[in-house]
C-alpha atoms as a PDB file:
ATOM      1  CA  UNK A   1       0.000   0.000   0.000  1.00  0.00           C
ATOM      2  CA  UNK A   2       1.394   3.359  -0.975  1.00  0.00           C
ATOM      3  CA  UNK A   3       1.498   6.197   1.497  1.00  0.00           C
ATOM      4  CA  UNK A   4       0.146   9.653   0.813  1.00  0.00           C
ATOM      5  CA  UNK A   5       2.661  12.512   1.087  1.00  0.00           C
ATOM      6  CA  UNK A   6       1.416  13.152   4.642  1.00  0.00           C
ATOM      7  CA  UNK A   7       2.335   9.586   5.622  1.00  0.00           C
ATOM      8  CA  UNK A   8      -1.242   8.373   6.016  1.00  0.00           C
ATOM      9  CA  UNK A   9      -2.348   4.960   4.839  1.00  0.00           C
ATOM     10  CA  UNK A  10      -5.936   5.848   4.028  1.00  0.00           C
ATOM     11  CA  UNK A  11      -6.115   3.524   1.020  1.00  0.00           C
ATOM     12  CA  UNK A  12      -5.383   0.493   3.240  1.00  0.00           C
ATOM     13  CA  UNK A  13      -8.026   1.487   5.778  1.00  0.00           C
ATOM     14  CA  UNK A  14     -10.503   2.369   3.048  1.00  0.00           C
ATOM     15  CA  UNK A  15     -10.004  -1.029   1.409  1.00  0.00           C
ATOM     16  CA  UNK A  16     -10.526  -2.763   4.751  1.00  0.00           C
ATOM     17  CA  UNK A  17     -13.776  -0.940   5.442  1.00  0.00           C
ATOM     18  CA  UNK A  18     -15.040  -1.575   1.927  1.00  0.00           C
ATOM     19  CA  UNK A  19     -14.602  -5.283   2.722  1.00  0.00           C
ATOM     20  CA  UNK A  20     -16.367  -4.808   6.088  1.00  0.00           C
ATOM     21  CA  UNK A  21     -19.182  -2.996   4.250  1.00  0.00           C
ATOM     22  CA  UNK A  22     -19.471  -6.000   1.920  1.00  0.00           C
ATOM     23  CA  UNK A  23     -19.639  -8.447   4.832  1.00  0.00           C
ATOM     24  CA  UNK A  24     -22.409  -6.424   6.462  1.00  0.00           C
ATOM     25  CA  UNK A  25     -24.308  -6.275   3.149  1.00  0.00           C
ATOM     26  CA  UNK A  26     -23.885 -10.044   2.695  1.00  0.00           C
ATOM     27  CA  UNK A  27     -25.475 -10.516   6.123  1.00  0.00           C
ATOM     28  CA  UNK A  28     -28.424  -8.284   5.203  1.00  0.00           C
ATOM     29  CA  UNK A  29     -27.374  -5.231   7.217  1.00  0.00           C
ATOM     30  CA  UNK A  30     -28.560  -2.149   5.409  1.00  0.00           C
ATOM     31  CA  UNK A  31     -25.444   0.020   5.363  1.00  0.00           C
ATOM     32  CA  UNK A  32     -24.240   2.695   2.999  1.00  0.00           C
ATOM     33  CA  UNK A  33     -20.796   3.517   1.674  1.00  0.00           C
ATOM     34  CA  UNK A  34     -20.080   5.763  -1.259  1.00  0.00           C
ATOM     35  CA  UNK A  35     -18.670   3.847  -4.208  1.00  0.00           C
ATOM     36  CA  UNK A  36     -18.082   5.609  -7.489  1.00  0.00           C
ATOM     37  CA  UNK A  37     -16.721   4.898 -10.915  1.00  0.00           C
ATOM     38  CA  UNK A  38     -14.858   7.219 -13.235  1.00  0.00           C
ATOM     39  CA  UNK A  39     -17.073  10.151 -14.137  1.00  0.00           C
ATOM     40  CA  UNK A  40     -19.446   9.660 -11.190  1.00  0.00           C
ATOM     41  CA  UNK A  41     -20.076  12.572  -8.848  1.00  0.00           C
ATOM     42  CA  UNK A  42     -18.916  11.515  -5.365  1.00  0.00           C
ATOM     43  CA  UNK A  43     -20.754  14.386  -3.694  1.00  0.00           C
ATOM     44  CA  UNK A  44     -24.130  13.359  -5.093  1.00  0.00           C
ATOM     45  CA  UNK A  45     -23.766   9.885  -3.586  1.00  0.00           C
ATOM     46  CA  UNK A  46     -22.608  11.297  -0.252  1.00  0.00           C
ATOM     47  CA  UNK A  47     -25.540  13.714  -0.068  1.00  0.00           C
ATOM     48  CA  UNK A  48     -27.989  10.933  -0.944  1.00  0.00           C
ATOM     49  CA  UNK A  49     -26.542   8.681   1.759  1.00  0.00           C
ATOM     50  CA  UNK A  50     -26.622  11.397   4.420  1.00  0.00           C
ATOM     51  CA  UNK A  51     -30.202  12.329   3.521  1.00  0.00           C
ATOM     52  CA  UNK A  52     -31.231   8.686   3.788  1.00  0.00           C
ATOM     53  CA  UNK A  53     -29.527   8.364   7.188  1.00  0.00           C
ATOM     54  CA  UNK A  54     -31.418  11.423   8.349  1.00  0.00           C
ATOM     55  CA  UNK A  55     -34.784  10.363   6.904  1.00  0.00           C
ATOM     56  CA  UNK A  56     -34.535   6.832   8.286  1.00  0.00           C
ATOM     57  CA  UNK A  57     -33.033   7.904  11.626  1.00  0.00           C
ATOM     58  CA  UNK A  58     -29.976   5.771  10.990  1.00  0.00           C
ATOM     59  CA  UNK A  59     -26.548   5.849  12.546  1.00  0.00           C
ATOM     60  CA  UNK A  60     -23.477   7.322  10.854  1.00  0.00           C
ATOM     61  CA  UNK A  61     -20.387   5.151  11.194  1.00  0.00           C
ATOM     62  CA  UNK A  62     -17.212   7.230  11.505  1.00  0.00           C
ATOM     63  CA  UNK A  63     -13.929   5.479  10.696  1.00  0.00           C
ATOM     64  CA  UNK A  64     -11.734   7.622  12.928  1.00  0.00           C
ATOM     65  CA  UNK A  65      -8.260   7.937  11.469  1.00  0.00           C
ATOM     66  CA  UNK A  66      -5.827  10.553  12.798  1.00  0.00           C
ATOM     67  CA  UNK A  67      -7.099  13.101  10.273  1.00  0.00           C
ATOM     68  CA  UNK A  68     -10.809  12.288  10.472  1.00  0.00           C
ATOM     69  CA  UNK A  69     -12.825  15.485  10.221  1.00  0.00           C
ATOM     70  CA  UNK A  70     -10.031  17.577   8.722  1.00  0.00           C
ATOM     71  CA  UNK A  71     -11.127  20.787   7.043  1.00  0.00           C
ATOM     72  CA  UNK A  72     -10.228  20.581   3.352  1.00  0.00           C
ATOM     73  CA  UNK A  73     -11.147  22.236   0.071  1.00  0.00           C
ATOM     74  CA  UNK A  74     -13.702  19.501  -0.562  1.00  0.00           C
ATOM     75  CA  UNK A  75     -17.330  20.245   0.256  1.00  0.00           C
ATOM     76  CA  UNK A  76     -17.757  16.454   0.609  1.00  0.00           C
ATOM     77  CA  UNK A  77     -15.189  15.662   3.282  1.00  0.00           C
ATOM     78  CA  UNK A  78     -15.529  13.950   6.643  1.00  0.00           C
ATOM     79  CA  UNK A  79     -15.664  17.479   8.075  1.00  0.00           C
ATOM     80  CA  UNK A  80     -18.776  18.150   5.985  1.00  0.00           C
ATOM     81  CA  UNK A  81     -20.267  14.861   7.202  1.00  0.00           C
ATOM     82  CA  UNK A  82     -19.675  15.905  10.816  1.00  0.00           C
ATOM     83  CA  UNK A  83     -21.278  19.298  10.209  1.00  0.00           C
ATOM     84  CA  UNK A  84     -24.308  17.549   8.715  1.00  0.00           C
ATOM     85  CA  UNK A  85     -24.456  15.131  11.654  1.00  0.00           C
ATOM     86  CA  UNK A  86     -24.353  18.050  14.093  1.00  0.00           C
ATOM     87  CA  UNK A  87     -27.009  20.016  12.245  1.00  0.00           C
ATOM     88  CA  UNK A  88     -29.355  17.042  11.827  1.00  0.00           C
ATOM     89  CA  UNK A  89     -28.564  15.498  15.241  1.00  0.00           C
ATOM     90  CA  UNK A  90     -27.510  12.199  13.691  1.00  0.00           C
ATOM     91  CA  UNK A  91     -26.241   9.468  15.947  1.00  0.00           C
ATOM     92  CA  UNK A  92     -22.587   8.686  15.228  1.00  0.00           C
ATOM     93  CA  UNK A  93     -20.868   5.380  15.951  1.00  0.00           C
ATOM     94  CA  UNK A  94     -17.121   6.083  16.084  1.00  0.00           C
ATOM     95  CA  UNK A  95     -14.702   3.330  15.091  1.00  0.00           C
ATOM     96  CA  UNK A  96     -11.227   3.657  16.567  1.00  0.00           C
ATOM     97  CA  UNK A  97      -8.755   2.419  13.957  1.00  0.00           C
ATOM     98  CA  UNK A  98      -5.521   4.093  15.114  1.00  0.00           C
ATOM     99  CA  UNK A  99      -3.878   4.683  18.482  1.00  0.00           C
ATOM    100  CA  UNK A 100      -4.584   8.414  18.395  1.00  0.00           C
ATOM    101  CA  UNK A 101      -8.135   9.055  19.624  1.00  0.00           C
ATOM    102  CA  UNK A 102     -10.051  11.254  19.412  1.00  0.00           C
ATOM    103  CA  UNK A 103      -8.860  12.263  15.948  1.00  0.00           C
ATOM    104  CA  UNK A 104      -6.404  15.128  15.792  1.00  0.00           C
ATOM    105  CA  UNK A 105      -7.067  16.684  12.391  1.00  0.00           C
ATOM    106  CA  UNK A 106      -4.243  18.903  11.169  1.00  0.00           C
ATOM    107  CA  UNK A 107      -4.606  22.594  11.906  1.00  0.00           C
ATOM    108  CA  UNK A 108      -2.525  25.625  12.742  1.00  0.00           C
ATOM    109  CA  UNK A 109      -1.310  28.891  11.292  1.00  0.00           C
ATOM    110  CA  UNK A 110       0.032  27.203   8.156  1.00  0.00           C
ATOM    111  CA  UNK A 111      -3.034  25.031   7.524  1.00  0.00           C
ATOM    112  CA  UNK A 112      -4.951  26.269   4.496  1.00  0.00           C
ATOM    113  CA  UNK A 113      -8.414  25.824   6.029  1.00  0.00           C
ATOM    114  CA  UNK A 114      -8.175  25.372   9.797  1.00  0.00           C
ATOM    115  CA  UNK A 115      -6.056  27.898  11.649  1.00  0.00           C
ATOM    116  CA  UNK A 116      -7.572  27.348  15.102  1.00  0.00           C
ATOM    117  CA  UNK A 117      -8.407  23.641  15.483  1.00  0.00           C
ATOM    118  CA  UNK A 118     -12.068  24.017  14.604  1.00  0.00           C
ATOM    119  CA  UNK A 119     -12.199  20.517  13.061  1.00  0.00           C
ATOM    120  CA  UNK A 120     -11.112  18.813  16.275  1.00  0.00           C
ATOM    121  CA  UNK A 121     -13.629  20.838  18.245  1.00  0.00           C
ATOM    122  CA  UNK A 122     -16.382  19.860  15.811  1.00  0.00           C
ATOM    123  CA  UNK A 123     -15.562  16.169  16.287  1.00  0.00           C
ATOM    124  CA  UNK A 124     -15.655  16.574  20.075  1.00  0.00           C
ATOM    125  CA  UNK A 125     -19.078  18.230  19.897  1.00  0.00           C
ATOM    126  CA  UNK A 126     -20.578  15.634  17.547  1.00  0.00           C
ATOM    127  CA  UNK A 127     -18.903  12.700  19.314  1.00  0.00           C
ATOM    128  CA  UNK A 128     -18.548  13.678  22.979  1.00  0.00           C
ATOM    129  CA  UNK A 129     -16.142  11.784  25.218  1.00  0.00           C
ATOM    130  CA  UNK A 130     -19.140  10.009  26.762  1.00  0.00           C
ATOM    131  CA  UNK A 131     -19.742   8.239  23.427  1.00  0.00           C
ATOM    132  CA  UNK A 132     -18.073   4.840  23.543  1.00  0.00           C
ATOM    133  CA  UNK A 133     -16.086   4.030  20.417  1.00  0.00           C
ATOM    134  CA  UNK A 134     -15.781   0.562  18.909  1.00  0.00           C
ATOM    135  CA  UNK A 135     -12.133  -0.375  19.169  1.00  0.00           C
ATOM    136  CA  UNK A 136     -11.139  -1.908  15.846  1.00  0.00           C
ATOM    137  CA  UNK A 137      -7.512  -2.215  16.873  1.00  0.00           C
ATOM    138  CA  UNK A 138      -6.046  -5.548  17.886  1.00  0.00           C
ATOM    139  CA  UNK A 139      -3.081  -5.356  20.227  1.00  0.00           C
ATOM    140  CA  UNK A 140      -0.570  -8.082  19.495  1.00  0.00           C
ATOM    141  CA  UNK A 141       1.760  -9.499  22.147  1.00  0.00           C
ATOM    142  CA  UNK A 142       4.170  -6.710  21.329  1.00  0.00           C
ATOM    143  CA  UNK A 143       1.392  -4.165  22.000  1.00  0.00           C
ATOM    144  CA  UNK A 144       1.759  -2.768  18.502  1.00  0.00           C
ATOM    145  CA  UNK A 145      -1.686  -1.866  17.295  1.00  0.00           C
ATOM    146  CA  UNK A 146      -2.991  -3.475  14.154  1.00  0.00           C
ATOM    147  CA  UNK A 147      -6.561  -3.705  12.979  1.00  0.00           C
ATOM    148  CA  UNK A 148      -8.847  -6.595  13.831  1.00  0.00           C
ATOM    149  CA  UNK A 149      -9.981  -8.851  11.020  1.00  0.00           C
ATOM    150  CA  UNK A 150     -12.672  -7.688   8.630  1.00  0.00           C
ATOM    151  CA  UNK A 151     -15.115 -10.219  10.099  1.00  0.00           C
ATOM    152  CA  UNK A 152     -14.393  -9.195  13.710  1.00  0.00           C
ATOM    153  CA  UNK A 153     -15.050  -5.555  12.860  1.00  0.00           C
ATOM    154  CA  UNK A 154     -18.197  -6.425  10.890  1.00  0.00           C
ATOM    155  CA  UNK A 155     -19.530  -8.422  13.871  1.00  0.00           C
ATOM    156  CA  UNK A 156     -18.883  -5.538  16.277  1.00  0.00           C
ATOM    157  CA  UNK A 157     -20.655  -3.076  13.991  1.00  0.00           C
ATOM    158  CA  UNK A 158     -23.531  -5.510  13.410  1.00  0.00           C
ATOM    159  CA  UNK A 159     -24.033  -5.914  17.171  1.00  0.00           C
ATOM    160  CA  UNK A 160     -24.231  -2.142  17.586  1.00  0.00           C
ATOM    161  CA  UNK A 161     -26.635  -1.767  14.662  1.00  0.00           C
ATOM    162  CA  UNK A 162     -28.918  -4.427  16.169  1.00  0.00           C
ATOM    163  CA  UNK A 163     -28.831  -2.591  19.522  1.00  0.00           C
ATOM    164  CA  UNK A 164     -29.579   0.681  17.788  1.00  0.00           C
ATOM    165  CA  UNK A 165     -32.581  -0.743  15.922  1.00  0.00           C
ATOM    166  CA  UNK A 166     -33.949  -2.326  19.099  1.00  0.00           C
ATOM    167  CA  UNK A 167     -33.562   0.902  21.053  1.00  0.00           C
ATOM    168  CA  UNK A 168     -31.069  -0.678  23.459  1.00  0.00           C
ATOM    169  CA  UNK A 169     -28.160   1.453  24.669  1.00  0.00           C
ATOM    170  CA  UNK A 170     -25.039   1.301  22.519  1.00  0.00           C
ATOM    171  CA  UNK A 171     -21.705  -0.075  23.700  1.00  0.00           C
END
């Protein structure tokens, strides 16, 4: 897996959660993940998915990497998703996939879009510290974090979705 210039391994995590999405679909869990082909408009799919979550009172699953929620030039970023979740009072199920939690999106005087840390504050408002995250990390004997298997993560998410639908308290 290639790294982005900032050192992140988003493609690896994205691939993993696309597989998890497939497992959940295979087990008849109604879950949404934007998938596009060349020429498709990513933003249209994202807006449709968010509107459906809102209309059906669903739960937004946040794959919390270090940069999750970063303010970028894109109007269809995880930051935009968090703003929508805040505005519409969507329930968010955070998935912890890296050691750093809560996410610490880049910011500062040299950041093009977030000089003051607004993105991190937004995450903390939408996902308060009282919200229990699903820990998708698997500590090996050496205590080096790696991610759990696709099936383990899918099972954890499925259990939370069942609780959510039944009205039971989340993890």
